[in-house]
Amino acid sequence: MKVDVLLGLQWGDEGKGKIVDVLTPKYKVIARFQGGPNAGHTLEFNGIKHVLHTIPSGIFHPDAVNIVGNGVVIDPIILKKELLALDNLDCSYQSNLLISRKAHLILPTHKLLDAASEAAKGIDKIGSTLKGIGPTYMDKTGRNGLRIGDVESVNFIDRYNRLKEKHLQLLAHFDFDVTTLDEMEKEWFGGIEKIKSLQFIDSEHVINQHLTNEEAILAEGAQGSLLDIDFGSYPFVTSSNTICAGACTGLGIAPNRIGEVYGIFKAYCTRVGSGPFPTELFDTTGDELRAKGHEFGATTGRPRRCGWMDIPALKYAIMVNGVTQLIMTKADVLSGFETIKVCTQYQYQGKTIDYVPFDVVGSELKPQYIELPGWNKDLTGLSDIQELPDNLMGYIAYLEKELHVPITVVSVGPDRKQTLIRSAVSA
């Protein structure tokens, strides 16, 4: 048995939560392997919209085991709010939501450090969600962090206070206002008490035991491949490895245990926050994509930047992840456009290239487009892949030819029912 991995191939917001929810019946275990509450995985069913930030997207399936892996960073305040929302929905999670003891905790002072650092950058700010995620990963690699397992220690409060004092010294250098800290701490410790009701586990042992038992596991990524700390548009990236390799370190599984790699991408491109975006549209077409696609961040509410499909960037993400199957979302948003543009190459430093170069920040990448015919059919009510209009099928065929990976699933709306299967996916 292998661990299948599902991840985003663009700058996040590709629709990972919905697809995990759709695929969950095929799996025994759904495991988040990186990121923190900067993720906003949106699920929609039975007329209700749900946004998950920390909890794996299989939580609404009572037979699925949901694991928050060691690579995730956890804000007790946000996790408590997620749990209370599940309580209001009568969604039982006590037996099927498990938290790795090695997952790191986001402290209130991490959030203050995040805000202080971003403010100090001025016009060079990276567009942080200000959730404290970057400073938490810095403490993790600096060997200063607090982990979920530390909550069980009799010395937890002492460890907390030592790390808080270290942060306060740093904040003094920024001359940053910390008057909100007392109130933040009260809420934070309330969150700690709530999550103490959950099961803490040595997740690497548990996950590998599920593998030994021949039980299917799906690793759920957050953010997108182009935001990876190593392979994204640095420094406008997140603080963790969002690519497939992150599933190994974020869950404690060996590389030879990776099976299918599902890569999710939108039928066009979006990005939130700062950073390069070669195909970004600044005209009415970009506005139309944003309006039709409801392109506003599930976590921050910020309007997303919108643009056409970028083949070189998508090929790059497929390469570094070893993608075996592609899933295209938001095909319905492109309905009504007379033509669809696709970037196939860049003009870069006086040359035409078809790959992502090292310097994507300091040098302009000017997109070179081809045009494909659009379609007018409303896709949101379709229930069979054969009902897709010919021009959309042509768009899919073109992408498959360029990317050399099959597109096995097409999403035509936010509801789990609006998911069309082109060919069988693994379990």
Protein backbone atom coordinates (compact mmCIF):
# COMPACT_ATOMS: atom_id res chain seq x y z
CA MET A 1 0.00 0.00 0.00
CA LYS A 2 1.18 3.51 -0.84
CA VAL A 3 0.38 7.01 0.39
CA ASP A 4 -1.33 9.07 -2.32
CA VAL A 5 -0.64 12.81 -2.22
CA LEU A 6 -2.96 15.64 -3.23
CA LEU A 7 -1.52 19.13 -3.66
CA GLY A 8 -1.94 22.42 -5.47
CA LEU A 9 0.13 23.26 -8.53
CA GLN A 10 -0.28 27.03 -8.60
CA TRP A 11 -0.20 29.74 -5.90
CA GLY A 12 -2.83 28.08 -3.73
CA ASP A 13 -6.64 28.33 -3.76
CA GLU A 14 -6.90 25.59 -6.39
CA GLY A 15 -9.79 23.77 -4.69
CA LYS A 16 -7.90 21.16 -2.70
CA GLY A 17 -10.43 20.94 0.13
CA LYS A 18 -13.34 20.13 -2.14
CA ILE A 19 -11.41 17.43 -4.02
CA VAL A 20 -10.16 15.82 -0.80
CA ASP A 21 -13.77 15.71 0.39
CA VAL A 22 -14.80 14.05 -2.90
CA LEU A 23 -11.98 11.48 -2.77
CA THR A 24 -12.23 10.67 0.95
CA PRO A 25 -14.62 7.68 0.53
CA LYS A 26 -11.75 5.89 -1.22
CA TYR A 27 -9.39 6.33 1.75
CA LYS A 28 -9.17 5.25 5.36
CA VAL A 29 -6.85 8.10 6.44
CA ILE A 30 -6.68 11.78 5.44
CA ALA A 31 -3.51 13.49 6.72
CA ARG A 32 -2.48 17.17 6.55
CA PHE A 33 1.30 17.35 6.19
CA GLN A 34 2.33 21.05 6.21
CA GLY A 35 1.24 24.64 6.57
CA GLY A 36 -1.00 26.18 9.15
CA PRO A 37 -4.20 28.19 9.44
CA ASN A 38 -3.15 30.27 6.44
CA ALA A 39 -4.84 27.44 4.54
CA GLY A 40 -8.51 27.90 3.74
CA HIS A 41 -9.93 24.66 2.39
CA THR A 42 -13.53 25.27 1.32
CA LEU A 43 -16.08 22.44 1.16
CA GLU A 44 -19.66 22.86 0.02
CA PHE A 45 -22.46 20.31 0.30
CA ASN A 46 -26.11 20.16 1.33
CA GLY A 47 -26.32 23.90 0.69
CA ILE A 48 -23.78 24.71 3.41
CA LYS A 49 -20.28 26.15 2.93
CA HIS A 50 -17.52 25.02 5.29
CA VAL A 51 -14.00 26.48 5.54
CA LEU A 52 -11.31 24.42 7.27
CA HIS A 53 -7.95 25.92 8.24
CA THR A 54 -6.22 23.17 10.23
CA ILE A 55 -8.50 20.14 10.24
CA PRO A 56 -8.13 17.74 7.29
CA SER A 57 -10.88 17.92 4.68
CA GLY A 58 -12.08 14.38 5.31
CA ILE A 59 -13.62 15.32 8.66
CA PHE A 60 -17.20 15.21 7.39
CA HIS A 61 -16.87 11.50 6.57
CA PRO A 62 -17.33 9.61 9.86
CA ASP A 63 -15.45 6.52 8.67
CA ALA A 64 -12.27 8.47 7.81
CA VAL A 65 -9.39 8.95 10.23
CA ASN A 66 -8.15 12.56 10.04
CA ILE A 67 -4.57 13.24 11.13
CA VAL A 68 -2.87 16.61 11.59
CA GLY A 69 0.75 15.69 10.91
CA ASN A 70 4.00 16.83 12.47
CA GLY A 71 4.70 19.24 9.57
CA VAL A 72 1.66 21.38 10.41
CA VAL A 73 1.78 24.42 12.72
CA ILE A 74 -1.29 24.88 14.91
CA ASP A 75 -2.96 27.98 16.31
CA PRO A 76 -5.06 26.80 19.30
CA ILE A 77 -7.42 29.77 18.92
CA ILE A 78 -8.25 28.99 15.31
CA LEU A 79 -8.42 25.25 15.89
CA LYS A 80 -10.85 25.81 18.78
CA LYS A 81 -13.10 27.88 16.48
CA GLU A 82 -13.03 25.10 13.90
CA LEU A 83 -13.97 22.54 16.54
CA LEU A 84 -16.83 24.68 17.84
CA ALA A 85 -18.13 25.01 14.27
CA LEU A 86 -18.10 21.21 14.00
CA ASP A 87 -19.92 21.00 17.34
CA ASN A 88 -22.65 23.25 15.93
CA LEU A 89 -23.00 20.89 12.96
CA ASP A 90 -23.20 17.82 15.22
CA CYS A 91 -20.09 16.54 13.43
CA SER A 92 -18.39 14.02 15.70
CA TYR A 93 -14.60 14.29 15.72
CA GLN A 94 -13.50 12.92 19.10
CA SER A 95 -12.68 9.51 17.68
CA ASN A 96 -11.46 10.40 14.19
CA LEU A 97 -9.42 13.61 14.58
CA LEU A 98 -5.86 12.92 15.73
CA ILE A 99 -3.09 15.48 16.33
CA SER A 100 0.62 14.77 16.04
CA ARG A 101 2.55 15.47 19.22
CA LYS A 102 5.34 16.82 17.01
CA ALA A 103 3.20 19.52 15.37
CA HIS A 104 4.39 22.97 16.47
CA LEU A 105 2.26 25.55 18.27
CA ILE A 106 1.70 29.12 17.07
CA LEU A 107 1.99 31.43 20.08
CA PRO A 108 0.33 34.88 20.40
CA THR A 109 3.80 36.42 20.23
CA HIS A 110 4.42 34.64 16.93
CA LYS A 111 1.52 36.61 15.49
CA LEU A 112 2.91 39.87 16.88
CA LEU A 113 6.32 39.07 15.40
CA ASP A 114 4.70 38.34 12.05
CA ALA A 115 2.92 41.70 12.06
CA ALA A 116 6.03 43.58 13.24
CA SER A 117 8.23 41.99 10.58
CA GLU A 118 5.75 42.66 7.79
CA ALA A 119 5.27 46.28 8.86
CA ALA A 120 9.04 46.81 8.94
CA LYS A 121 9.33 45.69 5.30
CA GLY A 122 7.17 48.58 4.09
CA ILE A 123 6.67 48.43 0.33
CA ASP A 124 8.74 45.24 0.21
CA LYS A 125 6.22 43.28 2.30
CA ILE A 126 5.59 39.71 1.08
CA GLY A 127 1.85 39.63 1.71
CA SER A 128 1.87 37.50 4.85
CA THR A 129 -1.49 36.38 6.23
CA LEU A 130 -0.18 37.56 9.64
CA LYS A 131 -1.13 34.25 11.25
CA GLY A 132 2.28 33.83 12.89
CA ILE A 133 3.21 30.93 10.65
CA GLY A 134 6.59 32.19 9.43
CA PRO A 135 7.91 32.98 12.94
CA THR A 136 6.66 29.59 14.16
CA TYR A 137 8.59 27.73 11.47
CA MET A 138 11.62 29.91 12.29
CA ASP A 139 11.44 28.77 15.91
CA LYS A 140 11.03 25.19 14.72
CA THR A 141 14.22 25.30 12.65
CA GLY A 142 15.92 27.38 15.35
CA ARG A 143 15.12 24.60 17.86
CA ASN A 144 13.17 26.91 20.14
CA GLY A 145 9.59 25.89 19.36
CA LEU A 146 6.80 24.48 21.46
CA ARG A 147 5.03 21.35 20.22
CA ILE A 148 1.64 19.80 20.89
CA GLY A 149 3.31 17.10 22.99
CA ASP A 150 4.71 19.78 25.30
CA VAL A 151 1.15 20.54 26.43
CA GLU A 152 1.27 17.22 28.31
CA SER A 153 4.42 18.26 30.23
CA VAL A 154 4.32 19.54 33.81
CA ASN A 155 6.79 22.21 32.67
CA PHE A 156 4.59 23.50 29.84
CA ILE A 157 3.90 26.93 31.33
CA ASP A 158 7.59 27.48 32.10
CA ARG A 159 8.51 26.54 28.51
CA TYR A 160 5.81 28.86 27.19
CA ASN A 161 7.02 31.78 29.29
CA ARG A 162 10.66 31.32 28.25
CA LEU A 163 9.74 31.43 24.57
CA LYS A 164 7.39 34.38 25.11
CA GLU A 165 10.16 36.38 26.81
CA LYS A 166 12.49 35.68 23.89
CA HIS A 167 9.83 37.00 21.52
CA LEU A 168 9.20 40.09 23.64
CA GLN A 169 12.89 40.98 23.43
CA LEU A 170 12.69 40.77 19.64
CA LEU A 171 9.51 42.83 19.57
CA ALA A 172 11.24 45.52 21.64
CA HIS A 173 13.76 45.94 18.82
CA PHE A 174 10.83 46.56 16.44
CA ASP A 175 9.30 49.01 18.97
CA PHE A 176 6.04 47.18 18.33
CA ASP A 177 2.85 47.63 20.37
CA VAL A 178 2.19 44.53 22.52
CA THR A 179 -0.72 45.86 24.59
CA THR A 180 -3.05 43.26 23.08
CA LEU A 181 -0.92 40.37 24.32
CA ASP A 182 -2.78 39.75 27.61
CA GLU A 183 -6.11 39.36 25.82
CA MET A 184 -4.52 37.22 23.13
CA GLU A 185 -3.03 34.93 25.78
CA LYS A 186 -6.39 34.41 27.52
CA GLU A 187 -7.91 33.30 24.24
CA TRP A 188 -4.87 31.18 23.41
CA PHE A 189 -4.94 29.22 26.67
CA GLY A 190 -8.68 28.73 26.18
CA GLY A 191 -7.82 27.13 22.86
CA ILE A 192 -5.25 24.90 24.56
CA GLU A 193 -7.91 23.62 26.96
CA LYS A 194 -10.24 22.81 24.06
CA ILE A 195 -7.67 20.90 22.05
CA LYS A 196 -6.66 18.89 25.13
CA SER A 197 -9.91 17.02 24.50
CA LEU A 198 -8.45 15.67 21.25
CA GLN A 199 -6.28 12.60 20.85
CA PHE A 200 -2.56 13.37 20.65
CA ILE A 201 -0.57 10.71 18.81
CA ASP A 202 2.93 9.79 17.71
CA SER A 203 1.77 10.28 14.15
CA GLU A 204 4.69 8.74 12.28
CA HIS A 205 4.08 5.42 14.05
CA VAL A 206 0.32 5.59 13.53
CA ILE A 207 0.56 6.41 9.82
CA ASN A 208 3.09 3.69 9.13
CA GLN A 209 0.92 1.21 11.02
CA HIS A 210 -1.98 2.09 8.72
CA LEU A 211 0.36 1.36 5.80
CA THR A 212 1.32 -1.98 7.33
CA ASN A 213 -2.39 -2.73 7.68
CA GLU A 214 -2.83 -2.06 3.94
CA GLU A 215 -5.18 0.88 4.58
CA ALA A 216 -5.40 3.65 1.98
CA ILE A 217 -3.95 7.04 2.99
CA LEU A 218 -4.34 10.42 1.29
CA ALA A 219 -1.88 13.18 2.23
CA GLU A 220 -3.49 16.62 1.94
CA GLY A 221 -1.28 19.57 1.06
CA ALA A 222 -1.93 23.24 1.75
CA GLN A 223 -1.05 26.43 -0.16
CA GLY A 224 0.43 25.71 -3.63
CA SER A 225 3.62 24.39 -5.22
CA LEU A 226 4.62 27.83 -6.50
CA LEU A 227 4.68 29.00 -2.87
CA ASP A 228 7.14 26.30 -1.76
CA ILE A 229 9.95 27.65 0.42
CA ASP A 230 12.59 26.12 -1.89
CA PHE A 231 10.96 26.02 -5.32
CA GLY A 232 8.45 28.86 -5.20
CA SER A 233 8.82 32.51 -6.21
CA TYR A 234 11.22 33.28 -3.35
CA PRO A 235 11.02 35.35 -1.18
CA PHE A 236 7.28 35.67 -1.92
CA VAL A 237 6.59 32.18 -0.61
CA THR A 238 5.25 30.38 2.42
CA SER A 239 7.47 28.91 5.16
CA SER A 240 7.10 25.19 4.47
CA ASN A 241 7.63 22.65 1.71
CA THR A 242 4.31 22.54 -0.12
CA ILE A 243 5.50 20.02 -2.73
CA CYS A 244 5.20 16.23 -2.64
CA ALA A 245 8.49 15.80 -0.78
CA GLY A 246 6.92 17.70 2.12
CA ALA A 247 4.56 14.78 2.67
CA CYS A 248 7.51 12.59 3.61
CA THR A 249 8.96 14.97 6.20
CA GLY A 250 5.55 16.25 7.30
CA LEU A 251 4.16 12.80 8.07
CA GLY A 252 7.19 10.58 8.63
CA ILE A 253 6.82 8.33 5.61
CA ALA A 254 9.59 7.05 3.35
CA PRO A 255 9.85 8.35 -0.25
CA ASN A 256 9.29 4.86 -1.64
CA ARG A 257 5.86 4.80 0.02
CA ILE A 258 4.48 7.59 -2.21
CA GLY A 259 1.87 6.36 -4.71
CA GLU A 260 -0.36 8.54 -6.88
CA VAL A 261 0.32 12.27 -6.89
CA TYR A 262 -2.80 14.28 -7.66
CA GLY A 263 -2.00 17.78 -8.87
CA ILE A 264 -4.83 20.31 -8.72
CA PHE A 265 -4.91 23.42 -10.87
CA LYS A 266 -7.47 26.02 -11.85
CA ALA A 267 -8.47 26.39 -15.49
CA TYR A 268 -6.87 29.85 -15.15
CA CYS A 269 -4.46 31.32 -12.57
CA THR A 270 -4.88 33.30 -9.36
CA ARG A 271 -2.60 34.61 -6.67
CA VAL A 272 -3.14 36.33 -3.31
CA GLY A 273 -0.64 38.80 -1.92
CA SER A 274 2.61 40.05 -3.38
CA GLY A 275 5.00 38.33 -5.76
CA PRO A 276 5.49 37.70 -9.48
CA PHE A 277 2.53 36.64 -11.59
CA PRO A 278 3.46 36.64 -15.30
CA THR A 279 -0.04 36.17 -16.75
CA GLU A 280 -1.84 38.56 -14.38
CA LEU A 281 -4.60 40.59 -16.04
CA PHE A 282 -5.15 44.22 -15.09
CA ASP A 283 -8.12 44.76 -17.40
CA THR A 284 -11.84 43.99 -17.47
CA THR A 285 -11.10 40.35 -18.30
CA GLY A 286 -9.24 40.00 -15.00
CA ASP A 287 -12.14 41.69 -13.21
CA GLU A 288 -14.58 39.32 -14.89
CA LEU A 289 -12.57 36.25 -13.85
CA ARG A 290 -12.50 37.53 -10.27
CA ALA A 291 -16.23 38.20 -10.18
CA LYS A 292 -17.32 34.97 -11.87
CA GLY A 293 -14.88 32.86 -9.86
CA HIS A 294 -15.69 34.56 -6.53
CA GLU A 295 -11.95 35.02 -6.17
CA PHE A 296 -11.59 36.24 -2.62
CA GLY A 297 -9.40 34.46 -0.07
CA ALA A 298 -11.17 31.95 2.18
CA THR A 299 -8.77 32.82 5.00
CA THR A 300 -8.08 36.53 4.53
CA GLY A 301 -10.96 37.72 2.32
CA ARG A 302 -8.44 39.53 0.14
CA PRO A 303 -9.29 39.81 -3.58
CA ARG A 304 -7.21 37.41 -5.65
CA ARG A 305 -5.17 38.54 -8.61
CA CYS A 306 -6.39 36.75 -11.75
CA GLY A 307 -4.81 35.77 -15.06
CA TRP A 308 -4.61 33.21 -17.85
CA MET A 309 -3.18 29.71 -17.71
CA ASP A 310 0.62 29.56 -17.45
CA ILE A 311 2.01 26.38 -19.07
CA PRO A 312 5.71 26.82 -18.12
CA ALA A 313 4.80 27.35 -14.44
CA LEU A 314 2.41 24.39 -14.48
CA LYS A 315 5.02 22.13 -16.12
CA TYR A 316 7.51 23.19 -13.45
CA ALA A 317 5.12 22.27 -10.64
CA ILE A 318 4.34 18.92 -12.28
CA MET A 319 8.06 18.19 -12.57
CA VAL A 320 9.06 18.92 -8.96
CA ASN A 321 6.07 16.97 -7.62
CA GLY A 322 6.13 13.93 -9.89
CA VAL A 323 2.43 14.41 -10.64
CA THR A 324 0.68 11.32 -12.01
CA GLN A 325 -2.87 12.69 -12.38
CA LEU A 326 -4.20 16.19 -12.94
CA ILE A 327 -7.44 17.64 -11.58
CA MET A 328 -8.78 20.80 -13.19
CA THR A 329 -11.09 23.03 -11.15
CA LYS A 330 -13.25 26.05 -11.98
CA ALA A 331 -13.74 25.12 -15.63
CA ASP A 332 -17.19 26.70 -15.25
CA VAL A 333 -15.67 30.15 -14.66
CA LEU A 334 -14.28 30.25 -18.21
CA SER A 335 -17.72 29.78 -19.75
CA GLY A 336 -18.72 32.82 -21.80
CA PHE A 337 -15.27 33.92 -22.94
CA GLU A 338 -15.00 34.08 -26.74
CA THR A 339 -11.37 33.03 -26.64
CA ILE A 340 -9.16 31.49 -23.96
CA LYS A 341 -5.51 32.55 -23.79
CA VAL A 342 -2.73 30.20 -22.70
CA CYS A 343 0.84 31.29 -21.94
CA THR A 344 3.26 28.86 -23.63
CA GLN A 345 6.56 30.78 -23.32
CA TYR A 346 8.14 33.84 -21.72
CA GLN A 347 10.24 36.67 -23.04
CA TYR A 348 13.06 36.83 -20.49
CA GLN A 349 16.23 38.92 -20.64
CA GLY A 350 15.98 39.20 -24.43
CA LYS A 351 15.37 35.48 -24.98
CA THR A 352 12.32 33.27 -25.50
CA ILE A 353 12.19 30.51 -22.89
CA ASP A 354 9.67 27.80 -21.97
CA TYR A 355 10.76 27.15 -18.39
CA VAL A 356 10.76 28.90 -15.00
CA PRO A 357 14.17 30.59 -14.49
CA PHE A 358 15.98 31.35 -11.25
CA ASP A 359 15.22 35.07 -11.11
CA VAL A 360 11.45 35.38 -11.33
CA VAL A 361 11.36 38.41 -9.03
CA GLY A 362 14.06 40.77 -10.29
CA SER A 363 13.52 40.19 -14.01
CA GLU A 364 10.27 40.53 -15.92
CA LEU A 365 8.74 37.42 -17.45
CA LYS A 366 6.63 38.59 -20.38
CA PRO A 367 4.08 35.91 -21.36
CA GLN A 368 3.71 34.73 -24.94
CA TYR A 369 0.17 33.51 -25.65
CA ILE A 370 -1.76 31.28 -27.98
CA GLU A 371 -5.54 31.54 -28.24
CA LEU A 372 -8.07 28.72 -28.10
CA PRO A 373 -11.81 28.98 -28.81
CA GLY A 374 -14.03 29.47 -25.77
CA TRP A 375 -17.47 28.09 -24.94
CA ASN A 376 -20.78 29.54 -23.75
CA LYS A 377 -22.43 26.54 -22.10
CA ASP A 378 -23.32 26.71 -18.40
CA LEU A 379 -21.40 23.80 -16.86
CA THR A 380 -22.64 24.00 -13.29
CA GLY A 381 -25.59 21.62 -13.77
CA LEU A 382 -23.72 18.92 -15.70
CA SER A 383 -23.48 15.43 -14.25
CA ASP A 384 -21.56 13.54 -16.94
CA ILE A 385 -18.17 14.26 -18.49
CA GLN A 386 -19.62 13.57 -21.95
CA GLU A 387 -21.81 16.67 -21.59
CA LEU A 388 -18.84 19.04 -21.67
CA PRO A 389 -18.83 21.34 -24.73
CA ASP A 390 -16.46 20.43 -27.57
CA ASN A 391 -14.30 23.52 -27.11
CA LEU A 392 -13.73 22.71 -23.44
CA MET A 393 -12.81 19.15 -24.39
CA GLY A 394 -10.39 20.71 -26.89
CA TYR A 395 -8.90 22.86 -24.11
CA ILE A 396 -8.44 19.77 -21.94
CA ALA A 397 -6.87 17.83 -24.81
CA TYR A 398 -4.46 20.69 -25.52
CA LEU A 399 -3.36 20.86 -21.88
CA GLU A 400 -2.85 17.10 -21.70
CA LYS A 401 -0.71 17.22 -24.86
CA GLU A 402 1.47 20.00 -23.43
CA LEU A 403 1.71 18.65 -19.88
CA HIS A 404 2.07 14.91 -20.66
CA VAL A 405 -0.14 14.00 -17.69
CA PRO A 406 -3.80 12.93 -17.88
CA ILE A 407 -6.55 15.20 -16.55
CA THR A 408 -8.74 12.69 -14.74
CA VAL A 409 -11.18 14.98 -12.89
CA VAL A 410 -12.90 18.21 -13.94
CA SER A 411 -14.70 20.38 -11.38
CA VAL A 412 -17.57 22.55 -12.64
CA GLY A 413 -18.74 24.15 -9.39
CA PRO A 414 -18.05 24.36 -5.64
CA ASP A 415 -20.41 21.59 -4.52
CA ARG A 416 -19.02 18.07 -4.13
CA LYS A 417 -21.67 16.92 -6.65
CA GLN A 418 -20.22 19.24 -9.30
CA THR A 419 -17.26 16.95 -9.93
CA LEU A 420 -16.92 15.04 -13.20
CA ILE A 421 -14.70 11.98 -13.46
CA ARG A 422 -12.94 11.42 -16.80
CA SER A 423 -11.21 8.19 -15.78
CA ALA A 424 -10.85 6.12 -12.63
CA VAL A 425 -8.70 7.49 -9.83
CA SER A 426 -6.76 5.28 -7.43
CA ALA A 427 -7.77 4.36 -3.92
